[in-house]
């Protein structure tokens, strides 16, 4: 279950946080942005990413998803050479 949640979180993070939309792409997605300056669209995009980050953190808290899953950590019994 936690592995599935981790992958869902990772996918959400990749799509909404790591994939930066260009200013032009933002205008294509929402035609209402065509009347705004580049600086204003930049601020809208920045706020969108901020909301996505908050949504991700809220989802993490509701699903008790560890930000450091145990399977990513080294095995405690394994000797490091």
C-alpha atoms as a PDB file:
ATOM      1  CA  UNK A   1       0.000   0.000   0.000  1.00  0.00           C
ATOM      2  CA  UNK A   2       2.705   2.515   0.934  1.00  0.00           C
ATOM      3  CA  UNK A   3       4.649   1.680  -2.226  1.00  0.00           C
ATOM      4  CA  UNK A   4       1.568   2.396  -4.347  1.00  0.00           C
ATOM      5  CA  UNK A   5       1.041   5.680  -2.496  1.00  0.00           C
ATOM      6  CA  UNK A   6       4.693   6.580  -3.011  1.00  0.00           C
ATOM      7  CA  UNK A   7       4.408   6.067  -6.776  1.00  0.00           C
ATOM      8  CA  UNK A   8       1.201   8.100  -6.943  1.00  0.00           C
ATOM      9  CA  UNK A   9       2.892  10.892  -5.004  1.00  0.00           C
ATOM     10  CA  UNK A  10       5.931  10.742  -7.266  1.00  0.00           C
ATOM     11  CA  UNK A  11       3.778  10.926 -10.391  1.00  0.00           C
ATOM     12  CA  UNK A  12       1.805  13.860  -9.010  1.00  0.00           C
ATOM     13  CA  UNK A  13       5.049  15.614  -8.064  1.00  0.00           C
ATOM     14  CA  UNK A  14       6.548  15.045 -11.507  1.00  0.00           C
ATOM     15  CA  UNK A  15       3.479  16.247 -13.383  1.00  0.00           C
ATOM     16  CA  UNK A  16       2.555  19.275 -11.306  1.00  0.00           C
ATOM     17  CA  UNK A  17       5.840  20.438  -9.859  1.00  0.00           C
ATOM     18  CA  UNK A  18       8.712  19.360 -12.080  1.00  0.00           C
ATOM     19  CA  UNK A  19       7.187  19.919 -15.509  1.00  0.00           C
ATOM     20  CA  UNK A  20       7.472  23.666 -15.961  1.00  0.00           C
ATOM     21  CA  UNK A  21       4.835  25.112 -18.236  1.00  0.00           C
ATOM     22  CA  UNK A  22       6.030  27.875 -20.514  1.00  0.00           C
ATOM     23  CA  UNK A  23       4.264  31.230 -20.426  1.00  0.00           C
ATOM     24  CA  UNK A  24       2.953  30.540 -23.933  1.00  0.00           C
ATOM     25  CA  UNK A  25       1.655  27.088 -22.897  1.00  0.00           C
ATOM     26  CA  UNK A  26      -0.169  28.698 -19.958  1.00  0.00           C
ATOM     27  CA  UNK A  27      -1.878  31.046 -22.413  1.00  0.00           C
ATOM     28  CA  UNK A  28      -2.844  28.108 -24.648  1.00  0.00           C
ATOM     29  CA  UNK A  29      -4.371  26.255 -21.694  1.00  0.00           C
ATOM     30  CA  UNK A  30      -6.330  29.281 -20.440  1.00  0.00           C
ATOM     31  CA  UNK A  31      -7.261  31.854 -23.112  1.00  0.00           C
ATOM     32  CA  UNK A  32      -8.121  34.359 -20.346  1.00  0.00           C
ATOM     33  CA  UNK A  33      -4.377  34.761 -19.784  1.00  0.00           C
ATOM     34  CA  UNK A  34      -3.866  36.198 -23.285  1.00  0.00           C
ATOM     35  CA  UNK A  35      -4.730  39.679 -22.017  1.00  0.00           C
ATOM     36  CA  UNK A  36      -2.117  39.550 -19.236  1.00  0.00           C
ATOM     37  CA  UNK A  37       1.526  40.581 -19.464  1.00  0.00           C
ATOM     38  CA  UNK A  38       4.270  37.959 -19.311  1.00  0.00           C
ATOM     39  CA  UNK A  39       5.043  39.053 -15.751  1.00  0.00           C
ATOM     40  CA  UNK A  40       1.409  38.568 -14.700  1.00  0.00           C
ATOM     41  CA  UNK A  41       1.240  35.125 -16.337  1.00  0.00           C
ATOM     42  CA  UNK A  42       4.507  34.243 -14.579  1.00  0.00           C
ATOM     43  CA  UNK A  43       2.885  35.150 -11.233  1.00  0.00           C
ATOM     44  CA  UNK A  44      -0.220  33.090 -12.065  1.00  0.00           C
ATOM     45  CA  UNK A  45       1.997  30.115 -12.937  1.00  0.00           C
ATOM     46  CA  UNK A  46       4.047  30.555  -9.751  1.00  0.00           C
ATOM     47  CA  UNK A  47       0.849  30.565  -7.671  1.00  0.00           C
ATOM     48  CA  UNK A  48      -0.426  27.479  -9.510  1.00  0.00           C
ATOM     49  CA  UNK A  49       2.743  25.578  -8.595  1.00  0.00           C
ATOM     50  CA  UNK A  50       2.410  26.788  -5.010  1.00  0.00           C
ATOM     51  CA  UNK A  51      -1.144  25.434  -4.844  1.00  0.00           C
ATOM     52  CA  UNK A  52       0.008  22.139  -6.355  1.00  0.00           C
ATOM     53  CA  UNK A  53       2.695  21.864  -3.674  1.00  0.00           C
ATOM     54  CA  UNK A  54       0.106  22.495  -0.941  1.00  0.00           C
ATOM     55  CA  UNK A  55      -2.223  19.903  -2.481  1.00  0.00           C
ATOM     56  CA  UNK A  56       0.632  17.399  -2.550  1.00  0.00           C
ATOM     57  CA  UNK A  57       1.513  18.046   1.094  1.00  0.00           C
ATOM     58  CA  UNK A  58      -2.160  17.743   2.090  1.00  0.00           C
ATOM     59  CA  UNK A  59      -2.462  14.454   0.186  1.00  0.00           C
ATOM     60  CA  UNK A  60       0.708  13.197   1.891  1.00  0.00           C
ATOM     61  CA  UNK A  61      -0.683  14.051   5.317  1.00  0.00           C
ATOM     62  CA  UNK A  62      -4.056  12.407   4.637  1.00  0.00           C
ATOM     63  CA  UNK A  63      -2.444   9.239   3.282  1.00  0.00           C
ATOM     64  CA  UNK A  64       0.396   9.062   5.811  1.00  0.00           C
ATOM     65  CA  UNK A  65       2.944   8.868   3.017  1.00  0.00           C
ATOM     66  CA  UNK A  66       6.524   8.917   4.189  1.00  0.00           C
ATOM     67  CA  UNK A  67       8.757  11.358   2.394  1.00  0.00           C
ATOM     68  CA  UNK A  68      11.555   8.828   3.006  1.00  0.00           C
ATOM     69  CA  UNK A  69      10.163   5.347   2.287  1.00  0.00           C
ATOM     70  CA  UNK A  70      12.046   2.585   4.088  1.00  0.00           C
ATOM     71  CA  UNK A  71      12.762   0.707   0.883  1.00  0.00           C
ATOM     72  CA  UNK A  72      14.916   3.641  -0.261  1.00  0.00           C
ATOM     73  CA  UNK A  73      17.064   3.444   2.854  1.00  0.00           C
ATOM     74  CA  UNK A  74      20.032   1.090   3.107  1.00  0.00           C
ATOM     75  CA  UNK A  75      19.453  -2.278   4.705  1.00  0.00           C
ATOM     76  CA  UNK A  76      20.389  -2.038   8.393  1.00  0.00           C
ATOM     77  CA  UNK A  77      21.985  -5.505   8.268  1.00  0.00           C
ATOM     78  CA  UNK A  78      23.999  -4.753   5.149  1.00  0.00           C
ATOM     79  CA  UNK A  79      27.671  -3.956   5.637  1.00  0.00           C
ATOM     80  CA  UNK A  80      29.038  -1.021   3.723  1.00  0.00           C
ATOM     81  CA  UNK A  81      32.545  -1.647   2.387  1.00  0.00           C
END
